[in-house]
Amino acid sequence: MSDDSDFEVISRLWQEFWAAPFPARLRGVELAGQDMVLLDADLAGCVSTWVNNGGELDAWRLGILGECLTALEEALPQITDAEGLDYYRRLHHMSRLTLMATPQATG
């Protein structure tokens, strides 16, 4: 399991993220070849699993997290509205912390 402070920070970010509405202008939009709703769902699913597993992630989800984080980094510069940018920056920050707090996959 990751350091307790990492877990607490990511858990708090997850709760904040969960409470935020998805930016309506990005529903059904592809940026950098990525469907933004699916990218959101994949990243959020990995972070949710990490939190629910006490800071651990299996190899399959760890791979998805890394791939989707890279895809989000390519899409971020193409987001032009403030609401969407805030939402996806928050998702990026939380996902990056989760990836960094998971030194090796479990299971």
C-alpha atoms as a PDB file:
ATOM      1  CA  MET A   1       0.000   0.000   0.000  1.00  0.00           C
ATOM      2  CA  SER A   2       1.108   3.545  -0.616  1.00  0.00           C
ATOM      3  CA  ASP A   3       2.102   6.028   2.063  1.00  0.00           C
ATOM      4  CA  ASP A   4      -0.843   7.039   4.295  1.00  0.00           C
ATOM      5  CA  SER A   5      -0.536  10.689   3.283  1.00  0.00           C
ATOM      6  CA  ASP A   6      -0.760   9.716  -0.414  1.00  0.00           C
ATOM      7  CA  PHE A   7      -3.850   7.683   0.341  1.00  0.00           C
ATOM      8  CA  GLU A   8      -5.476  10.516   2.270  1.00  0.00           C
ATOM      9  CA  VAL A   9      -4.721  13.094  -0.425  1.00  0.00           C
ATOM     10  CA  ILE A  10      -5.938  10.907  -3.279  1.00  0.00           C
ATOM     11  CA  SER A  11      -9.036   9.868  -1.322  1.00  0.00           C
ATOM     12  CA  ARG A  12      -9.889  13.538  -0.724  1.00  0.00           C
ATOM     13  CA  LEU A  13      -9.293  14.383  -4.392  1.00  0.00           C
ATOM     14  CA  TRP A  14     -11.479  11.427  -5.380  1.00  0.00           C
ATOM     15  CA  GLN A  15     -14.348  12.732  -3.234  1.00  0.00           C
ATOM     16  CA  GLU A  16     -13.994  16.217  -4.751  1.00  0.00           C
ATOM     17  CA  PHE A  17     -13.848  14.762  -8.249  1.00  0.00           C
ATOM     18  CA  TRP A  18     -16.880  12.546  -7.657  1.00  0.00           C
ATOM     19  CA  ALA A  19     -18.923  15.596  -6.585  1.00  0.00           C
ATOM     20  CA  ALA A  20     -18.042  17.601  -9.708  1.00  0.00           C
ATOM     21  CA  PRO A  21     -20.393  17.426 -12.697  1.00  0.00           C
ATOM     22  CA  PHE A  22     -19.016  16.243 -16.014  1.00  0.00           C
ATOM     23  CA  PRO A  23     -18.537  19.213 -18.361  1.00  0.00           C
ATOM     24  CA  ALA A  24     -21.518  19.056 -20.723  1.00  0.00           C
ATOM     25  CA  ARG A  25     -19.616  20.644 -23.626  1.00  0.00           C
ATOM     26  CA  LEU A  26     -17.242  17.658 -23.741  1.00  0.00           C
ATOM     27  CA  ARG A  27     -19.935  14.988 -23.896  1.00  0.00           C
ATOM     28  CA  GLY A  28     -19.543  13.135 -27.205  1.00  0.00           C
ATOM     29  CA  VAL A  29     -16.345  15.039 -28.068  1.00  0.00           C
ATOM     30  CA  GLU A  30     -13.093  13.491 -29.259  1.00  0.00           C
ATOM     31  CA  LEU A  31      -9.816  15.293 -28.630  1.00  0.00           C
ATOM     32  CA  ALA A  32      -6.440  13.940 -29.731  1.00  0.00           C
ATOM     33  CA  GLY A  33      -8.287  10.837 -30.918  1.00  0.00           C
ATOM     34  CA  GLN A  34      -9.814  10.177 -27.477  1.00  0.00           C
ATOM     35  CA  ASP A  35     -13.485  10.103 -26.547  1.00  0.00           C
ATOM     36  CA  MET A  36     -13.488  12.364 -23.511  1.00  0.00           C
ATOM     37  CA  VAL A  37     -16.297  10.528 -21.706  1.00  0.00           C
ATOM     38  CA  LEU A  38     -14.521   7.184 -22.069  1.00  0.00           C
ATOM     39  CA  LEU A  39     -11.207   8.691 -21.023  1.00  0.00           C
ATOM     40  CA  ASP A  40     -12.901  10.104 -17.933  1.00  0.00           C
ATOM     41  CA  ALA A  41     -14.528   6.753 -17.140  1.00  0.00           C
ATOM     42  CA  ASP A  42     -11.302   4.773 -17.563  1.00  0.00           C
ATOM     43  CA  LEU A  43      -9.218   7.089 -15.393  1.00  0.00           C
ATOM     44  CA  ALA A  44     -11.905   7.487 -12.737  1.00  0.00           C
ATOM     45  CA  GLY A  45     -12.408   3.723 -12.652  1.00  0.00           C
ATOM     46  CA  CYS A  46      -8.726   3.129 -11.994  1.00  0.00           C
ATOM     47  CA  VAL A  47      -8.573   5.749  -9.242  1.00  0.00           C
ATOM     48  CA  SER A  48     -11.782   4.428  -7.678  1.00  0.00           C
ATOM     49  CA  THR A  49     -10.363   0.897  -7.649  1.00  0.00           C
ATOM     50  CA  TRP A  50      -7.115   2.174  -6.113  1.00  0.00           C
ATOM     51  CA  VAL A  51      -9.013   3.952  -3.328  1.00  0.00           C
ATOM     52  CA  ASN A  52     -11.348   1.005  -2.703  1.00  0.00           C
ATOM     53  CA  ASN A  53      -8.375  -1.407  -2.591  1.00  0.00           C
ATOM     54  CA  GLY A  54      -6.557   0.605   0.065  1.00  0.00           C
ATOM     55  CA  GLY A  55      -3.988   2.075  -2.299  1.00  0.00           C
ATOM     56  CA  GLU A  56      -3.282  -0.952  -4.476  1.00  0.00           C
ATOM     57  CA  LEU A  57      -3.876  -1.551  -8.167  1.00  0.00           C
ATOM     58  CA  ASP A  58      -3.545  -4.676 -10.272  1.00  0.00           C
ATOM     59  CA  ALA A  59      -1.201  -4.779 -13.275  1.00  0.00           C
ATOM     60  CA  TRP A  60      -4.008  -4.504 -15.826  1.00  0.00           C
ATOM     61  CA  ARG A  61      -5.489  -1.331 -14.290  1.00  0.00           C
ATOM     62  CA  LEU A  62      -2.048   0.120 -13.693  1.00  0.00           C
ATOM     63  CA  GLY A  63      -1.380  -0.232 -17.428  1.00  0.00           C
ATOM     64  CA  ILE A  64      -4.705   1.399 -18.282  1.00  0.00           C
ATOM     65  CA  LEU A  65      -3.989   4.234 -15.857  1.00  0.00           C
ATOM     66  CA  GLY A  66      -0.627   4.945 -17.492  1.00  0.00           C
ATOM     67  CA  GLU A  67      -1.994   4.767 -21.044  1.00  0.00           C
ATOM     68  CA  CYS A  68      -5.000   6.943 -20.283  1.00  0.00           C
ATOM     69  CA  LEU A  69      -2.886   9.482 -18.430  1.00  0.00           C
ATOM     70  CA  THR A  70      -0.696   9.828 -21.515  1.00  0.00           C
ATOM     71  CA  ALA A  71      -3.808  10.215 -23.689  1.00  0.00           C
ATOM     72  CA  LEU A  72      -5.173  12.894 -21.359  1.00  0.00           C
ATOM     73  CA  GLU A  73      -1.879  14.781 -21.510  1.00  0.00           C
ATOM     74  CA  GLU A  74      -2.265  14.889 -25.294  1.00  0.00           C
ATOM     75  CA  ALA A  75      -5.889  16.031 -25.091  1.00  0.00           C
ATOM     76  CA  LEU A  76      -5.529  18.688 -22.358  1.00  0.00           C
ATOM     77  CA  PRO A  77      -4.073  21.409 -24.615  1.00  0.00           C
ATOM     78  CA  GLN A  78      -7.117  21.073 -26.880  1.00  0.00           C
ATOM     79  CA  ILE A  79      -9.668  21.773 -24.139  1.00  0.00           C
ATOM     80  CA  THR A  80     -10.735  25.379 -24.595  1.00  0.00           C
ATOM     81  CA  ASP A  81     -13.477  26.004 -22.041  1.00  0.00           C
ATOM     82  CA  ALA A  82     -12.699  26.786 -18.399  1.00  0.00           C
ATOM     83  CA  GLU A  83     -15.128  24.244 -16.945  1.00  0.00           C
ATOM     84  CA  GLY A  84     -13.704  21.412 -19.033  1.00  0.00           C
ATOM     85  CA  LEU A  85     -10.136  22.444 -18.358  1.00  0.00           C
ATOM     86  CA  ASP A  86     -10.699  22.592 -14.594  1.00  0.00           C
ATOM     87  CA  TYR A  87     -12.420  19.204 -14.627  1.00  0.00           C
ATOM     88  CA  TYR A  88      -9.746  17.434 -16.648  1.00  0.00           C
ATOM     89  CA  ARG A  89      -6.854  19.121 -14.852  1.00  0.00           C
ATOM     90  CA  ARG A  90      -8.307  17.796 -11.588  1.00  0.00           C
ATOM     91  CA  LEU A  91      -8.638  14.329 -13.128  1.00  0.00           C
ATOM     92  CA  HIS A  92      -5.070  14.543 -14.438  1.00  0.00           C
ATOM     93  CA  HIS A  93      -3.664  15.589 -11.065  1.00  0.00           C
ATOM     94  CA  MET A  94      -5.514  12.837  -9.200  1.00  0.00           C
ATOM     95  CA  SER A  95      -4.587  10.183 -11.778  1.00  0.00           C
ATOM     96  CA  ARG A  96      -0.928  11.202 -11.822  1.00  0.00           C
ATOM     97  CA  LEU A  97      -0.715  11.061  -8.022  1.00  0.00           C
ATOM     98  CA  THR A  98      -2.342   7.630  -8.089  1.00  0.00           C
ATOM     99  CA  LEU A  99       0.149   6.362 -10.658  1.00  0.00           C
ATOM    100  CA  MET A 100       3.092   7.768  -8.672  1.00  0.00           C
ATOM    101  CA  ALA A 101       1.740   6.279  -5.410  1.00  0.00           C
ATOM    102  CA  THR A 102       1.581   2.805  -6.980  1.00  0.00           C
ATOM    103  CA  PRO A 103       5.193   1.660  -7.330  1.00  0.00           C
ATOM    104  CA  GLN A 104       4.260  -1.814  -8.442  1.00  0.00           C
ATOM    105  CA  ALA A 105       1.151  -3.656  -9.445  1.00  0.00           C
ATOM    106  CA  THR A 106      -0.510  -6.171  -7.201  1.00  0.00           C
ATOM    107  CA  GLY A 107      -2.156  -9.433  -8.166  1.00  0.00           C
END
